[in-house]
């Protein structure tokens, strides 16, 4: 996958302040505050920074956590996983493979068929309806 590299000032010009904070500075939006937490439309969720397709609505489920949750990405090549030890916890961070945007974290407590829960910040996503 081709890497998309921009300066901080370019990202700040492109993104809302909240999207910049979460996606580029590894922040987190408040639970139950995001546009896509309870969104039910059929389509593909893409990276707010670069437009890479990340998650299919068919893999979305209600985790009760307040963030959009998916049991798998569109393709393993679209995301990168990285060990995250911030805030005194050991977690697995999920990043966009194309632009390194922080998306959220993945946990081993999801539903079948994968048993994974990709817990993703709404503000890091855009939605493209299935045509």
Protein backbone atom coordinates (compact mmCIF):
# COMPACT_ATOMS: atom_id res chain seq x y z
CA UNK A 1 0.00 0.00 0.00
CA UNK A 2 1.32 3.42 -0.94
CA UNK A 3 1.99 5.61 2.11
CA UNK A 4 0.32 9.01 2.30
CA UNK A 5 2.56 11.48 4.10
CA UNK A 6 1.56 15.03 4.98
CA UNK A 7 2.87 17.60 7.42
CA UNK A 8 0.98 18.36 10.63
CA UNK A 9 -0.11 21.70 9.19
CA UNK A 10 -1.51 19.95 6.10
CA UNK A 11 -3.49 17.52 8.28
CA UNK A 12 -4.77 20.42 10.43
CA UNK A 13 -6.00 22.25 7.32
CA UNK A 14 -7.76 19.13 6.02
CA UNK A 15 -9.38 17.84 9.23
CA UNK A 16 -11.73 19.25 11.85
CA UNK A 17 -10.01 19.98 15.18
CA UNK A 18 -11.58 16.86 16.76
CA UNK A 19 -10.61 14.62 13.83
CA UNK A 20 -7.06 15.98 13.92
CA UNK A 21 -6.82 15.36 17.68
CA UNK A 22 -8.08 11.78 17.45
CA UNK A 23 -6.61 10.63 14.12
CA UNK A 24 -3.27 12.43 14.15
CA UNK A 25 -2.59 12.86 17.90
CA UNK A 26 -3.94 9.46 19.04
CA UNK A 27 -6.84 10.90 21.01
CA UNK A 28 -10.23 9.36 21.75
CA UNK A 29 -13.68 10.80 21.22
CA UNK A 30 -16.12 10.51 24.14
CA UNK A 31 -18.19 7.31 24.18
CA UNK A 32 -21.65 7.57 22.58
CA UNK A 33 -20.76 10.92 20.99
CA UNK A 34 -19.78 9.83 17.50
CA UNK A 35 -21.91 10.03 14.38
CA UNK A 36 -21.45 6.36 13.52
CA UNK A 37 -21.88 4.74 16.95
CA UNK A 38 -25.48 3.72 16.16
CA UNK A 39 -25.43 4.20 12.40
CA UNK A 40 -27.18 1.37 10.53
CA UNK A 41 -26.83 2.18 6.79
CA UNK A 42 -25.32 -0.30 4.32
CA UNK A 43 -21.92 0.64 2.93
CA UNK A 44 -18.22 1.07 3.56
CA UNK A 45 -16.52 3.10 6.28
CA UNK A 46 -13.41 4.85 4.98
CA UNK A 47 -10.50 6.70 6.60
CA UNK A 48 -11.36 10.38 7.22
CA UNK A 49 -7.75 11.31 6.40
CA UNK A 50 -7.13 9.48 3.12
CA UNK A 51 -10.32 7.71 1.99
CA UNK A 52 -8.96 4.17 2.29
CA UNK A 53 -11.81 1.64 2.69
CA UNK A 54 -11.51 0.24 6.22
CA UNK A 55 -14.69 -1.48 7.46
CA UNK A 56 -17.81 -2.91 5.84
CA UNK A 57 -21.15 -2.20 7.53
CA UNK A 58 -21.86 -5.95 7.26
CA UNK A 59 -19.10 -6.56 9.83
CA UNK A 60 -20.48 -3.91 12.24
CA UNK A 61 -22.13 -4.93 15.51
CA UNK A 62 -23.46 -3.24 18.63
CA UNK A 63 -20.81 -3.74 21.29
CA UNK A 64 -22.52 -1.48 23.82
CA UNK A 65 -19.27 0.46 24.27
CA UNK A 66 -20.36 3.71 22.62
CA UNK A 67 -17.98 3.43 19.66
CA UNK A 68 -18.58 1.80 16.28
CA UNK A 69 -17.40 -1.80 16.46
CA UNK A 70 -16.55 -4.27 13.72
CA UNK A 71 -15.44 -7.90 13.83
CA UNK A 72 -13.09 -7.51 10.84
CA UNK A 73 -11.62 -4.89 8.50
CA UNK A 74 -12.41 -4.81 4.76
CA UNK A 75 -8.98 -6.35 4.21
CA UNK A 76 -6.05 -7.07 6.56
CA UNK A 77 -3.88 -4.89 4.31
CA UNK A 78 -5.92 -1.73 5.05
CA UNK A 79 -4.99 -1.56 8.73
CA UNK A 80 -1.87 -1.79 10.84
CA UNK A 81 -1.85 -3.01 14.42
CA UNK A 82 0.62 -1.74 17.00
CA UNK A 83 1.19 -2.42 20.70
CA UNK A 84 -0.06 0.51 22.79
CA UNK A 85 1.05 0.90 26.41
CA UNK A 86 -0.30 4.43 26.95
CA UNK A 87 -2.49 5.23 29.96
CA UNK A 88 -1.14 2.31 32.00
CA UNK A 89 -2.83 -0.31 29.79
CA UNK A 90 -1.60 -2.81 27.26
CA UNK A 91 -3.77 -2.65 24.15
CA UNK A 92 -3.48 -3.12 20.40
CA UNK A 93 -3.84 0.14 18.49
CA UNK A 94 -5.43 0.13 15.03
CA UNK A 95 -4.02 2.49 12.39
CA UNK A 96 -4.86 3.16 8.75
CA UNK A 97 -2.17 1.36 6.74
CA UNK A 98 -2.12 4.11 4.09
CA UNK A 99 -1.75 7.25 6.24
CA UNK A 100 -1.05 6.01 9.80
CA UNK A 101 -4.20 7.66 11.18
CA UNK A 102 -5.05 6.43 14.67
CA UNK A 103 -8.45 4.72 14.39
CA UNK A 104 -8.95 3.02 17.75
CA UNK A 105 -8.08 -0.36 19.27
CA UNK A 106 -8.82 -4.03 18.70
CA UNK A 107 -9.82 -6.38 21.53
CA UNK A 108 -10.23 -10.18 21.67
CA UNK A 109 -13.84 -10.03 22.95
CA UNK A 110 -15.85 -9.71 19.74
CA UNK A 111 -18.42 -11.98 18.12
CA UNK A 112 -17.94 -14.84 15.69
CA UNK A 113 -16.55 -15.42 13.17
CA UNK A 114 -13.33 -13.65 14.29
CA UNK A 115 -13.83 -13.11 18.03
CA UNK A 116 -12.37 -9.62 17.56
CA UNK A 117 -13.82 -6.19 18.35
CA UNK A 118 -12.34 -3.33 16.36
CA UNK A 119 -13.42 -0.40 18.53
CA UNK A 120 -13.10 2.62 16.22
CA UNK A 121 -13.58 6.36 16.76
CA UNK A 122 -16.43 7.71 14.58
CA UNK A 123 -14.55 10.92 13.91
CA UNK A 124 -11.85 8.92 12.11
CA UNK A 125 -14.37 7.53 9.64
CA UNK A 126 -16.36 8.66 6.65
CA UNK A 127 -19.21 6.60 5.21
CA UNK A 128 -19.81 5.66 1.58
CA UNK A 129 -23.24 4.08 0.88
CA UNK A 130 -23.16 0.84 -1.07
CA UNK A 131 -24.24 1.45 -4.64
